[in-house]
Amino acid sequence: MKKFIKFIFQILVVIFLLLIILDLIYTTVYIQSSNRGKIDSVYNSKAKDYDVIILGSSRANNHFVSKIFNDKGLKAFNYGMSGSSLFETSLMLKLMLERKFIIKNVIVETDLNLLNETESYGIASKFLPYIHDSKLIKLHFSNENDFKELYYIPFYRYVAYDVQIGFREMLLNAIHKKTIHLCNGGYIALSNEMGNMEYDLRNLKPIHNKYYEEIKTMCHVNKINLIAVMTPMCDNTKGLDYFQKVNAIYPEIHNYENAVQGDQYFSSCGHMNDTGSRLFTNIIIRDFFKK
């Protein structure tokens, strides 16, 4: 019996050591990669200087054309990420400031992402390879329900989020396989093919969001001009008073929900196509950057 227990114990020790080794291998690969996505490009970058950066979800990523800013003499990059929440947006800005980015203006899409304070697991998981390497990331995740498992169990995060940061993604990072996320100044254009052209906001309620508050504080402390905006919706949207509800909580957020009108400018009800995004970007430049 003692031999059997000893044998089981030895197996467990071997498994534990193997998990530690795998964790180190995966983490080392991610720490040396900077051309797969926006998170690793920021995490593994040195100080950069921007006139404008764009942050937010797909309603930022697909709506602000970096090239138009650059053509106007404004060095810009769109760090918006499809599917992200303000949890990830705040953390991205924290990482930029930690790396001594010089930023004059931050455009933050703040509309539908004010609905909650939860993380977006698909995007948040991409920060997890660095959780042992970064005190900032560790602290940002420290109040999440699965923090202890993610932080203390070797290799757990790579298994739990296999699709996002598992073997396939690790291998693609190891061979420096590039994606479209860093092309075109971070802007990803949508096609003219119209998808669902209906949206119902009537039951949605914005909240006082702590991560938006963090963004405001960071911009104030670092003397960054914060431009918080609500981006356009299609004409057939029900419950457009949602945007007035946002302004009741945060009057400083600029409401552009009807700045671009006409279904020909939309790929889906909540996302403009490339033509609409170019029109919208020029409106933003006219309103905030015209000298």
Protein backbone atom coordinates (compact mmCIF):
# COMPACT_ATOMS: atom_id res chain seq x y z
CA MET A 1 0.00 0.00 0.00
CA LYS A 2 2.82 2.38 0.91
CA LYS A 3 4.54 1.61 -2.39
CA PHE A 4 1.34 2.32 -4.27
CA ILE A 5 0.86 5.66 -2.48
CA LYS A 6 4.49 6.53 -3.13
CA PHE A 7 4.05 5.62 -6.80
CA ILE A 8 0.95 7.83 -7.12
CA PHE A 9 2.77 10.65 -5.37
CA GLN A 10 5.70 10.35 -7.77
CA ILE A 11 3.36 10.45 -10.75
CA LEU A 12 1.69 13.58 -9.40
CA VAL A 13 5.07 15.23 -8.87
CA VAL A 14 6.10 14.38 -12.44
CA ILE A 15 2.82 15.78 -13.80
CA PHE A 16 3.21 18.94 -11.74
CA LEU A 17 6.77 19.46 -12.96
CA LEU A 18 5.66 18.82 -16.55
CA LEU A 19 2.94 21.48 -16.19
CA ILE A 20 5.53 23.95 -14.89
CA ILE A 21 7.82 23.22 -17.84
CA LEU A 22 4.99 23.58 -20.37
CA ASP A 23 3.91 26.82 -18.69
CA LEU A 24 7.42 28.21 -18.99
CA ILE A 25 7.71 27.20 -22.66
CA TYR A 26 4.38 28.74 -23.65
CA THR A 27 5.00 31.91 -21.64
CA THR A 28 8.49 32.35 -23.10
CA VAL A 29 7.08 32.15 -26.62
CA TYR A 30 4.42 34.78 -25.90
CA ILE A 31 6.87 37.14 -24.21
CA GLN A 32 9.03 37.06 -27.35
CA SER A 33 6.17 37.69 -29.78
CA SER A 34 4.91 41.10 -30.86
CA ASN A 35 3.32 40.73 -34.30
CA ARG A 36 0.22 38.55 -33.80
CA GLY A 37 -2.21 40.96 -32.19
CA LYS A 38 -2.66 44.30 -30.51
CA ILE A 39 -2.17 43.03 -26.97
CA ASP A 40 1.19 41.35 -27.57
CA SER A 41 2.32 44.27 -29.74
CA VAL A 42 1.73 46.66 -26.83
CA TYR A 43 3.04 44.35 -24.12
CA ASN A 44 6.31 43.65 -25.90
CA SER A 45 6.83 47.15 -27.27
CA LYS A 46 8.98 50.08 -26.23
CA ALA A 47 7.81 53.67 -25.85
CA LYS A 48 5.82 55.06 -28.76
CA ASP A 49 4.56 58.53 -29.57
CA TYR A 50 1.02 59.12 -30.88
CA ASP A 51 -1.16 62.09 -31.58
CA VAL A 52 -4.23 59.84 -31.43
CA ILE A 53 -4.97 56.32 -30.29
CA ILE A 54 -8.37 54.68 -30.56
CA LEU A 55 -9.63 52.25 -27.94
CA GLY A 56 -12.81 50.22 -27.59
CA SER A 57 -14.66 47.27 -29.07
CA SER A 58 -15.46 46.46 -32.70
CA ARG A 59 -17.45 49.71 -32.74
CA ALA A 60 -14.08 51.41 -32.44
CA ASN A 61 -12.00 48.93 -34.43
CA ASN A 62 -14.31 49.08 -37.47
CA HIS A 63 -15.26 52.76 -37.25
CA PHE A 64 -12.04 54.83 -37.06
CA VAL A 65 -9.80 54.85 -40.14
CA SER A 66 -6.21 55.38 -38.98
CA LYS A 67 -4.97 56.37 -42.44
CA ILE A 68 -7.28 59.39 -42.56
CA PHE A 69 -5.82 60.65 -39.27
CA ASN A 70 -2.30 60.06 -40.58
CA ASP A 71 -3.08 61.79 -43.87
CA LYS A 72 -4.19 64.83 -41.85
CA GLY A 73 -0.83 64.91 -40.07
CA LEU A 74 -2.03 63.10 -36.94
CA LYS A 75 0.00 60.03 -36.06
CA ALA A 76 -2.67 57.51 -35.08
CA PHE A 77 -3.27 53.83 -34.40
CA ASN A 78 -6.53 51.98 -33.84
CA TYR A 79 -6.14 49.67 -30.84
CA GLY A 80 -9.83 48.78 -30.79
CA MET A 81 -10.51 45.04 -30.43
CA SER A 82 -13.61 43.25 -31.63
CA GLY A 83 -15.49 41.71 -28.71
CA SER A 84 -13.60 43.58 -26.01
CA SER A 85 -15.12 45.30 -22.99
CA LEU A 86 -13.95 48.29 -20.96
CA PHE A 87 -12.15 45.78 -18.70
CA GLU A 88 -9.67 45.13 -21.52
CA THR A 89 -9.71 48.71 -22.79
CA SER A 90 -8.60 50.04 -19.41
CA LEU A 91 -5.86 47.41 -19.15
CA MET A 92 -4.54 48.27 -22.62
CA LEU A 93 -4.18 51.92 -21.65
CA LYS A 94 -2.46 50.93 -18.40
CA LEU A 95 0.09 48.87 -20.33
CA MET A 96 0.73 51.70 -22.78
CA LEU A 97 1.40 54.16 -19.98
CA GLU A 98 3.61 51.64 -18.16
CA ARG A 99 5.68 51.44 -21.35
CA LYS A 100 5.99 55.23 -21.45
CA PHE A 101 3.81 55.78 -24.50
CA ILE A 102 3.44 59.48 -25.23
CA ILE A 103 -0.21 60.01 -26.14
CA LYS A 104 -1.82 63.36 -26.85
CA ASN A 105 -5.40 62.21 -27.50
CA VAL A 106 -7.33 59.04 -26.67
CA ILE A 107 -10.59 58.36 -28.49
CA VAL A 108 -12.57 55.81 -26.49
CA GLU A 109 -15.75 54.22 -27.78
CA THR A 110 -18.09 54.23 -24.79
CA ASP A 111 -21.64 53.22 -25.57
CA LEU A 112 -22.82 49.60 -25.53
CA ASN A 113 -19.75 48.59 -23.51
CA LEU A 114 -21.13 50.61 -20.58
CA LEU A 115 -23.69 47.87 -19.94
CA ASN A 116 -21.51 45.93 -17.50
CA GLU A 117 -18.08 45.62 -15.89
CA THR A 118 -17.40 42.01 -16.80
CA GLU A 119 -14.38 40.88 -18.75
CA SER A 120 -14.69 39.63 -22.30
CA TYR A 121 -13.19 36.18 -21.91
CA GLY A 122 -12.09 35.79 -25.52
CA ILE A 123 -10.08 39.02 -25.38
CA ALA A 124 -9.10 39.07 -21.70
CA SER A 125 -7.54 35.61 -22.05
CA LYS A 126 -4.91 37.05 -24.39
CA PHE A 127 -3.42 38.97 -21.46
CA LEU A 128 -3.03 35.78 -19.41
CA PRO A 129 0.34 34.58 -20.80
CA TYR A 130 1.87 37.61 -19.06
CA ILE A 131 0.10 37.29 -15.70
CA HIS A 132 3.26 36.09 -13.90
CA ASP A 133 5.48 38.55 -15.72
CA SER A 134 3.39 41.65 -15.05
CA LYS A 135 2.27 42.93 -11.65
CA LEU A 136 -0.09 45.27 -13.47
CA ILE A 137 -1.92 42.44 -15.24
CA LYS A 138 -1.97 40.35 -12.07
CA LEU A 139 -3.60 43.20 -10.15
CA HIS A 140 -6.12 43.90 -12.91
CA PHE A 141 -7.29 40.27 -12.85
CA SER A 142 -7.05 39.83 -9.07
CA ASN A 143 -10.78 40.29 -8.42
CA GLU A 144 -11.94 37.89 -11.12
CA ASN A 145 -13.64 34.69 -9.93
CA ASP A 146 -11.08 32.35 -11.49
CA PHE A 147 -7.99 34.37 -10.58
CA LYS A 148 -6.53 31.81 -8.15
CA GLU A 149 -6.75 28.99 -10.67
CA LEU A 150 -5.30 31.15 -13.42
CA TYR A 151 -2.44 32.44 -11.32
CA TYR A 152 -1.47 29.55 -9.06
CA ILE A 153 -2.09 26.41 -11.13
CA PRO A 154 0.69 25.93 -13.70
CA PHE A 155 -0.49 25.73 -17.30
CA TYR A 156 -4.16 25.97 -16.26
CA ARG A 157 -4.79 29.16 -18.22
CA TYR A 158 -3.44 27.63 -21.42
CA VAL A 159 -5.80 24.67 -21.07
CA ALA A 160 -8.83 26.70 -19.97
CA TYR A 161 -8.40 29.08 -22.91
CA ASP A 162 -7.00 26.66 -25.45
CA VAL A 163 -8.69 28.33 -28.43
CA GLN A 164 -7.28 31.75 -27.55
CA ILE A 165 -3.80 30.96 -26.18
CA GLY A 166 -3.38 27.19 -26.44
CA PHE A 167 -1.08 25.06 -28.58
CA ARG A 168 -2.13 26.34 -32.01
CA GLU A 169 -1.85 30.00 -31.05
CA MET A 170 1.43 29.41 -29.23
CA LEU A 171 2.85 27.70 -32.32
CA LEU A 172 1.74 30.56 -34.59
CA ASN A 173 3.44 32.99 -32.22
CA ALA A 174 6.59 30.87 -32.22
CA ILE A 175 6.87 31.03 -36.02
CA HIS A 176 5.92 34.75 -36.01
CA LYS A 177 2.84 34.22 -38.16
CA LYS A 178 1.30 37.65 -38.69
CA THR A 179 -2.41 38.54 -38.65
CA ILE A 180 -4.44 41.41 -40.10
CA HIS A 181 -4.88 43.04 -36.68
CA LEU A 182 -1.80 45.24 -36.99
CA CYS A 183 -2.30 46.13 -40.66
CA ASN A 184 -3.86 49.39 -41.86
CA GLY A 185 -3.03 51.16 -38.63
CA GLY A 186 -5.15 48.68 -36.69
CA TYR A 187 -8.33 49.58 -38.58
CA ILE A 188 -10.35 46.68 -39.95
CA ALA A 189 -12.83 47.62 -42.67
CA LEU A 190 -16.16 45.87 -43.05
CA SER A 191 -17.76 45.08 -46.39
CA ASN A 192 -20.83 46.66 -47.95
CA GLU A 193 -22.81 43.44 -47.62
CA MET A 194 -25.56 44.26 -45.16
CA GLY A 195 -26.20 41.79 -42.36
CA ASN A 196 -28.81 42.19 -39.65
CA MET A 197 -30.15 45.72 -40.04
CA GLU A 198 -32.27 45.73 -36.90
CA TYR A 199 -31.22 46.39 -33.31
CA ASP A 200 -33.25 46.70 -30.12
CA LEU A 201 -31.77 48.72 -27.25
CA ARG A 202 -35.02 49.20 -25.32
CA ASN A 203 -34.13 46.84 -22.47
CA LEU A 204 -30.51 47.92 -22.13
CA LYS A 205 -29.37 50.11 -19.26
CA PRO A 206 -25.92 51.72 -19.04
CA ILE A 207 -24.21 51.74 -15.66
CA HIS A 208 -21.64 53.81 -13.82
CA ASN A 209 -18.61 51.86 -15.03
CA LYS A 210 -15.45 51.60 -12.92
CA TYR A 211 -13.23 50.80 -15.90
CA TYR A 212 -14.36 53.91 -17.74
CA GLU A 213 -13.61 55.79 -14.52
CA GLU A 214 -10.11 54.28 -14.55
CA ILE A 215 -9.62 55.50 -18.11
CA LYS A 216 -10.74 59.01 -17.17
CA THR A 217 -8.37 59.07 -14.20
CA MET A 218 -5.40 57.83 -16.23
CA CYS A 219 -6.00 60.46 -18.89
CA HIS A 220 -6.33 63.22 -16.30
CA VAL A 221 -3.17 62.22 -14.40
CA ASN A 222 -1.12 61.84 -17.59
CA LYS A 223 -2.51 65.00 -19.23
CA ILE A 224 -4.06 63.10 -22.13
CA ASN A 225 -7.03 64.62 -23.90
CA LEU A 226 -9.85 62.08 -23.56
CA ILE A 227 -12.47 62.03 -26.29
CA ALA A 228 -15.24 59.62 -25.29
CA VAL A 229 -17.74 58.96 -28.06
CA MET A 230 -20.83 56.93 -28.88
CA THR A 231 -20.60 55.72 -32.47
CA PRO A 232 -23.37 55.46 -35.09
CA MET A 233 -26.21 52.95 -35.27
CA CYS A 234 -28.39 52.14 -38.27
CA ASP A 235 -31.70 53.92 -38.83
CA ASN A 236 -33.78 50.90 -37.84
CA THR A 237 -32.63 50.86 -34.21
CA LYS A 238 -35.26 50.69 -31.49
CA GLY A 239 -34.65 52.31 -28.13
CA LEU A 240 -32.29 55.05 -29.22
CA ASP A 241 -32.99 56.80 -25.94
CA TYR A 242 -30.29 54.44 -24.61
CA PHE A 243 -27.76 57.05 -25.69
CA GLN A 244 -29.58 59.73 -23.71
CA LYS A 245 -29.40 57.37 -20.72
CA VAL A 246 -25.63 57.23 -21.21
CA ASN A 247 -25.45 61.03 -21.21
CA ALA A 248 -27.54 61.17 -18.04
CA ILE A 249 -24.72 59.26 -16.30
CA TYR A 250 -21.80 60.66 -18.29
CA PRO A 251 -22.67 63.99 -19.93
CA GLU A 252 -19.11 64.35 -21.25
CA ILE A 253 -19.51 61.43 -23.67
CA HIS A 254 -20.15 62.78 -27.17
CA ASN A 255 -23.22 61.28 -28.83
CA TYR A 256 -22.63 60.45 -32.50
CA GLU A 257 -25.25 57.70 -32.81
CA ASN A 258 -26.98 59.55 -35.68
CA ALA A 259 -23.91 61.19 -37.24
CA VAL A 260 -24.02 58.81 -40.22
CA GLN A 261 -27.45 57.99 -41.62
CA GLY A 262 -28.54 55.62 -44.35
CA ASP A 263 -28.29 51.83 -44.59
CA GLN A 264 -25.84 52.17 -47.48
CA TYR A 265 -23.21 53.16 -44.90
CA PHE A 266 -23.68 50.09 -42.69
CA SER A 267 -22.48 46.50 -42.81
CA SER A 268 -24.82 45.59 -39.94
CA CYS A 269 -27.01 47.70 -37.69
CA GLY A 270 -24.23 48.33 -35.17
CA HIS A 271 -21.28 48.48 -37.53
CA MET A 272 -20.57 50.77 -40.45
CA ASN A 273 -18.94 49.61 -43.65
CA ASP A 274 -15.73 51.16 -44.93
CA THR A 275 -17.56 54.01 -46.67
CA GLY A 276 -19.50 54.90 -43.53
CA SER A 277 -16.41 54.65 -41.35
CA ARG A 278 -14.47 57.01 -43.59
CA LEU A 279 -17.33 59.50 -43.45
CA PHE A 280 -17.51 59.18 -39.67
CA THR A 281 -13.74 59.51 -39.20
CA ASN A 282 -13.76 62.76 -41.15
CA ILE A 283 -16.59 64.05 -38.95
CA ILE A 284 -14.56 63.28 -35.81
CA ILE A 285 -11.47 64.99 -37.23
CA ARG A 286 -13.54 68.02 -38.20
CA ASP A 287 -15.09 68.29 -34.73
CA PHE A 288 -12.02 67.63 -32.58
CA PHE A 289 -8.85 68.12 -34.60
CA LYS A 290 -9.52 70.86 -37.13
CA LYS A 291 -6.91 73.56 -36.62
